[in-house]
Amino acid sequence: MKNFTIFILFMFLSSCSSVVVADEWPDKDCAEYQGLIAGLVVASGETLEQADAANKAEEMDRAKELFEASLVFSQMAANHTVVSNNFATKKKGSLAPFLIDYL
């Protein structure tokens, strides 16, 4: 019964949604968004370095927590890079398509 309810809810929500066509973003918004992505990459690198230092200090719980945080930051950066590539870099030459192929 639970699966049936979830299926019905999914079908209802799918039928209520409408297709949204998004245009390219303005240059100012693109630059700001790419800056935020860069911040996520830096945060990922910093937490990875802290995880390495904690690992060397044999603080395994802290090292594991920091490594997981680094992984989350890097995944967020990758996800936002995909969004940026779809909306902000269509009209510009950028490294985003190059980076996405290797993420």
PDB file of N, CA and C in Angstrom:
ATOM      1  N   MET A   1       0.820  -1.195   0.000  1.00  0.00           N
ATOM      2  CA  MET A   1       0.000   0.000   0.000  1.00  0.00           C
ATOM      3  C   MET A   1       0.868   1.265   0.000  1.00  0.00           C
ATOM      4  N   LYS A   2       1.975   1.183   0.738  1.00  0.00           N
ATOM      5  CA  LYS A   2       2.872   2.329   0.815  1.00  0.00           C
ATOM      6  C   LYS A   2       3.430   2.665  -0.570  1.00  0.00           C
ATOM      7  N   ASN A   3       3.869   1.650  -1.316  1.00  0.00           N
ATOM      8  CA  ASN A   3       4.412   1.873  -2.662  1.00  0.00           C
ATOM      9  C   ASN A   3       3.355   2.449  -3.591  1.00  0.00           C
ATOM     10  N   PHE A   4       2.128   1.972  -3.467  1.00  0.00           N
ATOM     11  CA  PHE A   4       1.040   2.473  -4.291  1.00  0.00           C
ATOM     12  C   PHE A   4       0.787   3.950  -3.997  1.00  0.00           C
ATOM     13  N   THR A   5       0.796   4.323  -2.728  1.00  0.00           N
ATOM     14  CA  THR A   5       0.588   5.718  -2.328  1.00  0.00           C
ATOM     15  C   THR A   5       1.700   6.605  -2.884  1.00  0.00           C
ATOM     16  N   ILE A   6       2.934   6.133  -2.803  1.00  0.00           N
ATOM     17  CA  ILE A   6       4.060   6.903  -3.323  1.00  0.00           C
ATOM     18  C   ILE A   6       3.928   7.054  -4.838  1.00  0.00           C
ATOM     19  N   PHE A   7       3.521   5.983  -5.516  1.00  0.00           N
ATOM     20  CA  PHE A   7       3.341   6.029  -6.962  1.00  0.00           C
ATOM     21  C   PHE A   7       2.260   7.039  -7.354  1.00  0.00           C
ATOM     22  N   ILE A   8       1.133   7.013  -6.652  1.00  0.00           N
ATOM     23  CA  ILE A   8       0.039   7.942  -6.939  1.00  0.00           C
ATOM     24  C   ILE A   8       0.489   9.386  -6.688  1.00  0.00           C
ATOM     25  N   LEU A   9       1.202   9.607  -5.590  1.00  0.00           N
ATOM     26  CA  LEU A   9       1.714  10.939  -5.275  1.00  0.00           C
ATOM     27  C   LEU A   9       2.678  11.412  -6.362  1.00  0.00           C
ATOM     28  N   PHE A  10       3.550  10.539  -6.808  1.00  0.00           N
ATOM     29  CA  PHE A  10       4.486  10.881  -7.875  1.00  0.00           C
ATOM     30  C   PHE A  10       3.747  11.242  -9.162  1.00  0.00           C
ATOM     31  N   MET A  11       2.752  10.466  -9.515  1.00  0.00           N
ATOM     32  CA  MET A  11       1.994  10.728 -10.733  1.00  0.00           C
ATOM     33  C   MET A  11       1.242  12.064 -10.627  1.00  0.00           C
ATOM     34  N   PHE A  12       0.697  12.341  -9.465  1.00  0.00           N
ATOM     35  CA  PHE A  12      -0.020  13.598  -9.257  1.00  0.00           C
ATOM     36  C   PHE A  12       0.931  14.788  -9.393  1.00  0.00           C
ATOM     37  N   LEU A  13       2.081  14.698  -8.733  1.00  0.00           N
ATOM     38  CA  LEU A  13       3.044  15.803  -8.786  1.00  0.00           C
ATOM     39  C   LEU A  13       3.612  15.974 -10.187  1.00  0.00           C
ATOM     40  N   SER A  14       3.806  14.880 -10.892  1.00  0.00           N
ATOM     41  CA  SER A  14       4.310  14.961 -12.264  1.00  0.00           C
ATOM     42  C   SER A  14       3.313  15.649 -13.190  1.00  0.00           C
ATOM     43  N   SER A  15       2.051  15.373 -12.980  1.00  0.00           N
ATOM     44  CA  SER A  15       1.047  15.982 -13.839  1.00  0.00           C
ATOM     45  C   SER A  15       0.836  17.460 -13.515  1.00  0.00           C
ATOM     46  N   CYS A  16       1.151  17.869 -12.304  1.00  0.00           N
ATOM     47  CA  CYS A  16       0.977  19.269 -11.908  1.00  0.00           C
ATOM     48  C   CYS A  16       2.134  20.159 -12.344  1.00  0.00           C
ATOM     49  N   SER A  17       3.268  19.560 -12.597  1.00  0.00           N
ATOM     50  CA  SER A  17       4.414  20.380 -12.950  1.00  0.00           C
ATOM     51  C   SER A  17       4.299  20.844 -14.389  1.00  0.00           C
ATOM     52  N   SER A  18       4.918  21.970 -14.652  1.00  0.00           N
ATOM     53  CA  SER A  18       4.939  22.489 -16.013  1.00  0.00           C
ATOM     54  C   SER A  18       6.386  22.604 -16.452  1.00  0.00           C
ATOM     55  N   VAL A  19       6.579  22.626 -17.719  1.00  0.00           N
ATOM     56  CA  VAL A  19       7.921  22.727 -18.261  1.00  0.00           C
ATOM     57  C   VAL A  19       8.375  24.177 -18.167  1.00  0.00           C
ATOM     58  N   VAL A  20       9.543  24.363 -17.629  1.00  0.00           N
ATOM     59  CA  VAL A  20      10.111  25.695 -17.501  1.00  0.00           C
ATOM     60  C   VAL A  20      11.283  25.800 -18.469  1.00  0.00           C
ATOM     61  N   VAL A  21      11.259  26.802 -19.306  1.00  0.00           N
ATOM     62  CA  VAL A  21      12.353  27.021 -20.239  1.00  0.00           C
ATOM     63  C   VAL A  21      13.207  28.142 -19.666  1.00  0.00           C
ATOM     64  N   ALA A  22      14.445  27.826 -19.401  1.00  0.00           N
ATOM     65  CA  ALA A  22      15.346  28.817 -18.818  1.00  0.00           C
ATOM     66  C   ALA A  22      16.229  29.417 -19.896  1.00  0.00           C
ATOM     67  N   ASP A  23      16.404  30.696 -19.820  1.00  0.00           N
ATOM     68  CA  ASP A  23      17.299  31.387 -20.743  1.00  0.00           C
ATOM     69  C   ASP A  23      18.692  31.433 -20.141  1.00  0.00           C
ATOM     70  N   GLU A  24      19.613  31.948 -20.904  1.00  0.00           N
ATOM     71  CA  GLU A  24      20.962  32.127 -20.399  1.00  0.00           C
ATOM     72  C   GLU A  24      20.956  33.215 -19.331  1.00  0.00           C
ATOM     73  N   TRP A  25      21.849  33.084 -18.386  1.00  0.00           N
ATOM     74  CA  TRP A  25      21.927  34.045 -17.300  1.00  0.00           C
ATOM     75  C   TRP A  25      22.731  35.269 -17.738  1.00  0.00           C
ATOM     76  N   PRO A  26      22.466  36.405 -17.101  1.00  0.00           N
ATOM     77  CA  PRO A  26      23.277  37.602 -17.383  1.00  0.00           C
ATOM     78  C   PRO A  26      24.732  37.385 -16.942  1.00  0.00           C
ATOM     79  N   ASP A  27      25.639  38.116 -17.582  1.00  0.00           N
ATOM     80  CA  ASP A  27      27.067  37.956 -17.291  1.00  0.00           C
ATOM     81  C   ASP A  27      27.392  38.177 -15.821  1.00  0.00           C
ATOM     82  N   LYS A  28      26.752  39.157 -15.194  1.00  0.00           N
ATOM     83  CA  LYS A  28      27.022  39.444 -13.784  1.00  0.00           C
ATOM     84  C   LYS A  28      26.658  38.246 -12.906  1.00  0.00           C
ATOM     85  N   ASP A  29      25.512  37.638 -13.170  1.00  0.00           N
ATOM     86  CA  ASP A  29      25.098  36.478 -12.394  1.00  0.00           C
ATOM     87  C   ASP A  29      26.016  35.286 -12.638  1.00  0.00           C
ATOM     88  N   CYS A  30      26.456  35.123 -13.875  1.00  0.00           N
ATOM     89  CA  CYS A  30      27.374  34.030 -14.207  1.00  0.00           C
ATOM     90  C   CYS A  30      28.685  34.165 -13.437  1.00  0.00           C
ATOM     91  N   ALA A  31      29.221  35.367 -13.428  1.00  0.00           N
ATOM     92  CA  ALA A  31      30.495  35.606 -12.735  1.00  0.00           C
ATOM     93  C   ALA A  31      30.346  35.369 -11.236  1.00  0.00           C
ATOM     94  N   GLU A  32      29.242  35.825 -10.666  1.00  0.00           N
ATOM     95  CA  GLU A  32      29.013  35.633  -9.236  1.00  0.00           C
ATOM     96  C   GLU A  32      28.864  34.141  -8.908  1.00  0.00           C
ATOM     97  N   TYR A  33      28.132  33.426  -9.737  1.00  0.00           N
ATOM     98  CA  TYR A  33      27.901  31.997  -9.511  1.00  0.00           C
ATOM     99  C   TYR A  33      29.208  31.212  -9.634  1.00  0.00           C
ATOM    100  N   GLN A  34      30.025  31.552 -10.620  1.00  0.00           N
ATOM    101  CA  GLN A  34      31.299  30.871 -10.780  1.00  0.00           C
ATOM    102  C   GLN A  34      32.241  31.193  -9.619  1.00  0.00           C
ATOM    103  N   GLY A  35      32.122  32.389  -9.054  1.00  0.00           N
ATOM    104  CA  GLY A  35      32.894  32.725  -7.859  1.00  0.00           C
ATOM    105  C   GLY A  35      32.477  31.886  -6.665  1.00  0.00           C
ATOM    106  N   LEU A  36      31.188  31.637  -6.551  1.00  0.00           N
ATOM    107  CA  LEU A  36      30.711  30.785  -5.465  1.00  0.00           C
ATOM    108  C   LEU A  36      31.194  29.342  -5.643  1.00  0.00           C
ATOM    109  N   ILE A  37      31.236  28.883  -6.877  1.00  0.00           N
ATOM    110  CA  ILE A  37      31.759  27.538  -7.149  1.00  0.00           C
ATOM    111  C   ILE A  37      33.233  27.466  -6.753  1.00  0.00           C
ATOM    112  N   ALA A  38      33.979  28.509  -7.085  1.00  0.00           N
ATOM    113  CA  ALA A  38      35.397  28.551  -6.703  1.00  0.00           C
ATOM    114  C   ALA A  38      35.546  28.503  -5.185  1.00  0.00           C
ATOM    115  N   GLY A  39      34.645  29.169  -4.470  1.00  0.00           N
ATOM    116  CA  GLY A  39      34.668  29.118  -3.008  1.00  0.00           C
ATOM    117  C   GLY A  39      34.448  27.706  -2.478  1.00  0.00           C
ATOM    118  N   LEU A  40      33.570  26.960  -3.120  1.00  0.00           N
ATOM    119  CA  LEU A  40      33.350  25.572  -2.716  1.00  0.00           C
ATOM    120  C   LEU A  40      34.587  24.710  -2.955  1.00  0.00           C
ATOM    121  N   VAL A  41      35.276  24.971  -4.067  1.00  0.00           N
ATOM    122  CA  VAL A  41      36.501  24.222  -4.363  1.00  0.00           C
ATOM    123  C   VAL A  41      37.568  24.537  -3.321  1.00  0.00           C
ATOM    124  N   VAL A  42      37.706  25.799  -2.969  1.00  0.00           N
ATOM    125  CA  VAL A  42      38.685  26.186  -1.951  1.00  0.00           C
ATOM    126  C   VAL A  42      38.334  25.564  -0.607  1.00  0.00           C
ATOM    127  N   ALA A  43      37.062  25.585  -0.242  1.00  0.00           N
ATOM    128  CA  ALA A  43      36.631  24.983   1.028  1.00  0.00           C
ATOM    129  C   ALA A  43      36.930  23.492   1.038  1.00  0.00           C
ATOM    130  N   SER A  44      36.731  22.834  -0.089  1.00  0.00           N
ATOM    131  CA  SER A  44      37.034  21.410  -0.184  1.00  0.00           C
ATOM    132  C   SER A  44      38.521  21.154   0.027  1.00  0.00           C
ATOM    133  N   GLY A  45      39.346  21.955  -0.615  1.00  0.00           N
ATOM    134  CA  GLY A  45      40.790  21.796  -0.456  1.00  0.00           C
ATOM    135  C   GLY A  45      41.258  22.057   0.963  1.00  0.00           C
ATOM    136  N   GLU A  46      40.706  23.086   1.589  1.00  0.00           N
ATOM    137  CA  GLU A  46      41.093  23.415   2.964  1.00  0.00           C
ATOM    138  C   GLU A  46      40.699  22.301   3.940  1.00  0.00           C
ATOM    139  N   THR A  47      39.485  21.794   3.801  1.00  0.00           N
ATOM    140  CA  THR A  47      39.058  20.731   4.723  1.00  0.00           C
ATOM    141  C   THR A  47      39.836  19.444   4.456  1.00  0.00           C
ATOM    142  N   LEU A  48      40.253  19.210   3.219  1.00  0.00           N
ATOM    143  CA  LEU A  48      41.070  18.035   2.930  1.00  0.00           C
ATOM    144  C   LEU A  48      42.441  18.156   3.579  1.00  0.00           C
ATOM    145  N   GLU A  49      43.017  19.352   3.535  1.00  0.00           N
ATOM    146  CA  GLU A  49      44.302  19.573   4.204  1.00  0.00           C
ATOM    147  C   GLU A  49      44.163  19.403   5.719  1.00  0.00           C
ATOM    148  N   GLN A  50      43.070  19.902   6.290  1.00  0.00           N
ATOM    149  CA  GLN A  50      42.834  19.725   7.719  1.00  0.00           C
ATOM    150  C   GLN A  50      42.634  18.249   8.069  1.00  0.00           C
ATOM    151  N   ALA A  51      41.969  17.517   7.187  1.00  0.00           N
ATOM    152  CA  ALA A  51      41.770  16.078   7.411  1.00  0.00           C
ATOM    153  C   ALA A  51      43.118  15.356   7.400  1.00  0.00           C
ATOM    154  N   ASP A  52      43.999  15.755   6.486  1.00  0.00           N
ATOM    155  CA  ASP A  52      45.329  15.150   6.422  1.00  0.00           C
ATOM    156  C   ASP A  52      46.119  15.437   7.694  1.00  0.00           C
ATOM    157  N   ALA A  53      46.040  16.689   8.163  1.00  0.00           N
ATOM    158  CA  ALA A  53      46.738  17.043   9.406  1.00  0.00           C
ATOM    159  C   ALA A  53      46.177  16.266  10.590  1.00  0.00           C
ATOM    160  N   ALA A  54      44.869  16.112  10.656  1.00  0.00           N
ATOM    161  CA  ALA A  54      44.254  15.345  11.746  1.00  0.00           C
ATOM    162  C   ALA A  54      44.635  13.874  11.651  1.00  0.00           C
ATOM    163  N   ASN A  55      44.740  13.358  10.451  1.00  0.00           N
ATOM    164  CA  ASN A  55      45.139  11.967  10.258  1.00  0.00           C
ATOM    165  C   ASN A  55      46.570  11.746  10.731  1.00  0.00           C
ATOM    166  N   LYS A  56      47.453  12.703  10.418  1.00  0.00           N
ATOM    167  CA  LYS A  56      48.845  12.601  10.859  1.00  0.00           C
ATOM    168  C   LYS A  56      48.963  12.723  12.372  1.00  0.00           C
ATOM    169  N   ALA A  57      48.029  13.462  12.981  1.00  0.00           N
ATOM    170  CA  ALA A  57      48.014  13.604  14.438  1.00  0.00           C
ATOM    171  C   ALA A  57      47.255  12.456  15.097  1.00  0.00           C
ATOM    172  N   GLU A  58      46.847  11.484  14.295  1.00  0.00           N
ATOM    173  CA  GLU A  58      46.127  10.289  14.749  1.00  0.00           C
ATOM    174  C   GLU A  58      44.807  10.619  15.437  1.00  0.00           C
ATOM    175  N   GLU A  59      44.135  11.650  14.958  1.00  0.00           N
ATOM    176  CA  GLU A  59      42.785  11.994  15.409  1.00  0.00           C
ATOM    177  C   GLU A  59      41.819  11.472  14.347  1.00  0.00           C
ATOM    178  N   MET A  60      41.601  10.183  14.372  1.00  0.00           N
ATOM    179  CA  MET A  60      40.884   9.517  13.278  1.00  0.00           C
ATOM    180  C   MET A  60      39.430   9.976  13.142  1.00  0.00           C
ATOM    181  N   ASP A  61      38.743  10.197  14.251  1.00  0.00           N
ATOM    182  CA  ASP A  61      37.344  10.643  14.164  1.00  0.00           C
ATOM    183  C   ASP A  61      37.253  12.012  13.496  1.00  0.00           C
ATOM    184  N   ARG A  62      38.131  12.912  13.914  1.00  0.00           N
ATOM    185  CA  ARG A  62      38.148  14.260  13.321  1.00  0.00           C
ATOM    186  C   ARG A  62      38.567  14.193  11.856  1.00  0.00           C
ATOM    187  N   ALA A  63      39.556  13.357  11.551  1.00  0.00           N
ATOM    188  CA  ALA A  63      40.020  13.225  10.168  1.00  0.00           C
ATOM    189  C   ALA A  63      38.902  12.699   9.273  1.00  0.00           C
ATOM    190  N   LYS A  64      38.161  11.721   9.760  1.00  0.00           N
ATOM    191  CA  LYS A  64      37.064  11.160   8.969  1.00  0.00           C
ATOM    192  C   LYS A  64      35.981  12.218   8.725  1.00  0.00           C
ATOM    193  N   GLU A  65      35.654  12.964   9.756  1.00  0.00           N
ATOM    194  CA  GLU A  65      34.634  14.004   9.638  1.00  0.00           C
ATOM    195  C   GLU A  65      35.058  15.088   8.643  1.00  0.00           C
ATOM    196  N   LEU A  66      36.311  15.506   8.730  1.00  0.00           N
ATOM    197  CA  LEU A  66      36.813  16.533   7.814  1.00  0.00           C
ATOM    198  C   LEU A  66      36.896  16.012   6.380  1.00  0.00           C
ATOM    199  N   PHE A  67      37.274  14.750   6.213  1.00  0.00           N
ATOM    200  CA  PHE A  67      37.318  14.180   4.876  1.00  0.00           C
ATOM    201  C   PHE A  67      35.927  14.133   4.258  1.00  0.00           C
ATOM    202  N   GLU A  68      34.937  13.740   5.044  1.00  0.00           N
ATOM    203  CA  GLU A  68      33.562  13.706   4.542  1.00  0.00           C
ATOM    204  C   GLU A  68      33.080  15.112   4.171  1.00  0.00           C
ATOM    205  N   ALA A  69      33.461  16.110   4.961  1.00  0.00           N
ATOM    206  CA  ALA A  69      33.095  17.494   4.642  1.00  0.00           C
ATOM    207  C   ALA A  69      33.750  17.927   3.327  1.00  0.00           C
ATOM    208  N   SER A  70      35.010  17.541   3.136  1.00  0.00           N
ATOM    209  CA  SER A  70      35.705  17.862   1.892  1.00  0.00           C
ATOM    210  C   SER A  70      35.016  17.214   0.704  1.00  0.00           C
ATOM    211  N   LEU A  71      34.597  15.977   0.883  1.00  0.00           N
ATOM    212  CA  LEU A  71      33.897  15.266  -0.180  1.00  0.00           C
ATOM    213  C   LEU A  71      32.572  15.957  -0.523  1.00  0.00           C
ATOM    214  N   VAL A  72      31.856  16.406   0.492  1.00  0.00           N
ATOM    215  CA  VAL A  72      30.589  17.113   0.263  1.00  0.00           C
ATOM    216  C   VAL A  72      30.827  18.418  -0.495  1.00  0.00           C
ATOM    217  N   PHE A  73      31.832  19.183  -0.079  1.00  0.00           N
ATOM    218  CA  PHE A  73      32.133  20.436  -0.774  1.00  0.00           C
ATOM    219  C   PHE A  73      32.505  20.187  -2.237  1.00  0.00           C
ATOM    220  N   SER A  74      33.308  19.156  -2.475  1.00  0.00           N
ATOM    221  CA  SER A  74      33.712  18.894  -3.863  1.00  0.00           C
ATOM    222  C   SER A  74      32.533  18.429  -4.704  1.00  0.00           C
ATOM    223  N   GLN A  75      31.633  17.651  -4.125  1.00  0.00           N
ATOM    224  CA  GLN A  75      30.454  17.215  -4.868  1.00  0.00           C
ATOM    225  C   GLN A  75      29.525  18.387  -5.159  1.00  0.00           C
ATOM    226  N   MET A  76      29.379  19.290  -4.195  1.00  0.00           N
ATOM    227  CA  MET A  76      28.567  20.484  -4.430  1.00  0.00           C
ATOM    228  C   MET A  76      29.166  21.326  -5.552  1.00  0.00           C
ATOM    229  N   ALA A  77      30.484  21.472  -5.556  1.00  0.00           N
ATOM    230  CA  ALA A  77      31.142  22.236  -6.617  1.00  0.00           C
ATOM    231  C   ALA A  77      30.908  21.581  -7.975  1.00  0.00           C
ATOM    232  N   ALA A  78      30.988  20.268  -8.022  1.00  0.00           N
ATOM    233  CA  ALA A  78      30.752  19.564  -9.289  1.00  0.00           C
ATOM    234  C   ALA A  78      29.314  19.751  -9.758  1.00  0.00           C
ATOM    235  N   ASN A  79      28.362  19.639  -8.846  1.00  0.00           N
ATOM    236  CA  ASN A  79      26.958  19.811  -9.207  1.00  0.00           C
ATOM    237  C   ASN A  79      26.677  21.228  -9.709  1.00  0.00           C
ATOM    238  N   HIS A  80      27.224  22.209  -9.021  1.00  0.00           N
ATOM    239  CA  HIS A  80      26.999  23.593  -9.433  1.00  0.00           C
ATOM    240  C   HIS A  80      27.730  23.919 -10.736  1.00  0.00           C
ATOM    241  N   THR A  81      28.831  23.232 -11.005  1.00  0.00           N
ATOM    242  CA  THR A  81      29.523  23.421 -12.277  1.00  0.00           C
ATOM    243  C   THR A  81      28.646  22.951 -13.430  1.00  0.00           C
ATOM    244  N   VAL A  82      27.916  21.872 -13.225  1.00  0.00           N
ATOM    245  CA  VAL A  82      26.988  21.390 -14.254  1.00  0.00           C
ATOM    246  C   VAL A  82      25.906  22.437 -14.505  1.00  0.00           C
ATOM    247  N   VAL A  83      25.363  23.005 -13.439  1.00  0.00           N
ATOM    248  CA  VAL A  83      24.340  24.044 -13.588  1.00  0.00           C
ATOM    249  C   VAL A  83      24.925  25.246 -14.322  1.00  0.00           C
ATOM    250  N   SER A  84      26.103  25.658 -13.913  1.00  0.00           N
ATOM    251  CA  SER A  84      26.758  26.798 -14.557  1.00  0.00           C
ATOM    252  C   SER A  84      26.993  26.521 -16.031  1.00  0.00           C
ATOM    253  N   ASN A  85      27.400  25.315 -16.345  1.00  0.00           N
ATOM    254  CA  ASN A  85      27.649  24.969 -17.741  1.00  0.00           C
ATOM    255  C   ASN A  85      26.364  25.033 -18.567  1.00  0.00           C
ATOM    256  N   ASN A  86      25.256  24.663 -17.977  1.00  0.00           N
ATOM    257  CA  ASN A  86      24.001  24.663 -18.719  1.00  0.00           C
ATOM    258  C   ASN A  86      23.397  26.041 -18.913  1.00  0.00           C
ATOM    259  N   PHE A  87      23.621  26.953 -17.995  1.00  0.00           N
ATOM    260  CA  PHE A  87      22.951  28.242 -18.060  1.00  0.00           C
ATOM    261  C   PHE A  87      23.883  29.430 -18.242  1.00  0.00           C
ATOM    262  N   ALA A  88      25.100  29.340 -17.735  1.00  0.00           N
ATOM    263  CA  ALA A  88      25.957  30.522 -17.717  1.00  0.00           C
ATOM    264  C   ALA A  88      27.064  30.507 -18.758  1.00  0.00           C
ATOM    265  N   THR A  89      27.383  29.375 -19.328  1.00  0.00           N
ATOM    266  CA  THR A  89      28.551  29.336 -20.214  1.00  0.00           C
ATOM    267  C   THR A  89      28.209  28.968 -21.648  1.00  0.00           C
ATOM    268  N   LYS A  90      26.954  28.989 -22.012  1.00  0.00           N
ATOM    269  CA  LYS A  90      26.584  28.630 -23.380  1.00  0.00           C
ATOM    270  C   LYS A  90      27.158  29.598 -24.403  1.00  0.00           C
ATOM    271  N   LYS A  91      27.183  30.869 -24.043  1.00  0.00           N
ATOM    272  CA  LYS A  91      27.600  31.871 -25.010  1.00  0.00           C
ATOM    273  C   LYS A  91      29.064  32.257 -24.881  1.00  0.00           C
ATOM    274  N   LYS A  92      29.746  31.716 -23.891  1.00  0.00           N
ATOM    275  CA  LYS A  92      31.127  32.097 -23.650  1.00  0.00           C
ATOM    276  C   LYS A  92      32.028  30.879 -23.774  1.00  0.00           C
ATOM    277  N   GLY A  93      33.262  31.107 -24.157  1.00  0.00           N
ATOM    278  CA  GLY A  93      34.251  30.042 -24.077  1.00  0.00           C
ATOM    279  C   GLY A  93      34.637  29.887 -22.620  1.00  0.00           C
ATOM    280  N   SER A  94      34.667  28.684 -22.119  1.00  0.00           N
ATOM    281  CA  SER A  94      34.930  28.476 -20.710  1.00  0.00           C
ATOM    282  C   SER A  94      35.597  27.136 -20.506  1.00  0.00           C
ATOM    283  N   LEU A  95      36.204  26.968 -19.354  1.00  0.00           N
ATOM    284  CA  LEU A  95      36.769  25.677 -18.997  1.00  0.00           C
ATOM    285  C   LEU A  95      35.729  24.731 -18.421  1.00  0.00           C
ATOM    286  N   ALA A  96      34.542  25.234 -18.120  1.00  0.00           N
ATOM    287  CA  ALA A  96      33.532  24.389 -17.484  1.00  0.00           C
ATOM    288  C   ALA A  96      33.216  23.128 -18.287  1.00  0.00           C
ATOM    289  N   PRO A  97      32.998  23.203 -19.610  1.00  0.00           N
ATOM    290  CA  PRO A  97      32.733  21.957 -20.342  1.00  0.00           C
ATOM    291  C   PRO A  97      33.910  20.998 -20.273  1.00  0.00           C
ATOM    292  N   PHE A  98      35.123  21.531 -20.302  1.00  0.00           N
ATOM    293  CA  PHE A  98      36.319  20.707 -20.200  1.00  0.00           C
ATOM    294  C   PHE A  98      36.378  20.011 -18.835  1.00  0.00           C
ATOM    295  N   LEU A  99      36.083  20.763 -17.774  1.00  0.00           N
ATOM    296  CA  LEU A  99      36.136  20.196 -16.431  1.00  0.00           C
ATOM    297  C   LEU A  99      35.046  19.152 -16.209  1.00  0.00           C
ATOM    298  N   ILE A 100      33.870  19.376 -16.749  1.00  0.00           N
ATOM    299  CA  ILE A 100      32.767  18.457 -16.530  1.00  0.00           C
ATOM    300  C   ILE A 100      33.085  17.081 -17.114  1.00  0.00           C
ATOM    301  N   ASP A 101      33.788  17.045 -18.244  1.00  0.00           N
ATOM    302  CA  ASP A 101      34.138  15.766 -18.842  1.00  0.00           C
ATOM    303  C   ASP A 101      35.027  14.933 -17.929  1.00  0.00           C
ATOM    304  N   TYR A 102      35.755  15.586 -17.030  1.00  0.00           N
ATOM    305  CA  TYR A 102      36.695  14.872 -16.185  1.00  0.00           C
ATOM    306  C   TYR A 102      36.275  14.781 -14.732  1.00  0.00           C
ATOM    307  N   LEU A 103      35.076  15.213 -14.364  1.00  0.00           N
ATOM    308  CA  LEU A 103      34.608  15.120 -12.977  1.00  0.00           C
ATOM    309  C   LEU A 103      34.015  13.776 -12.693  1.00  0.00           C
TER     310      LEU A 103
END
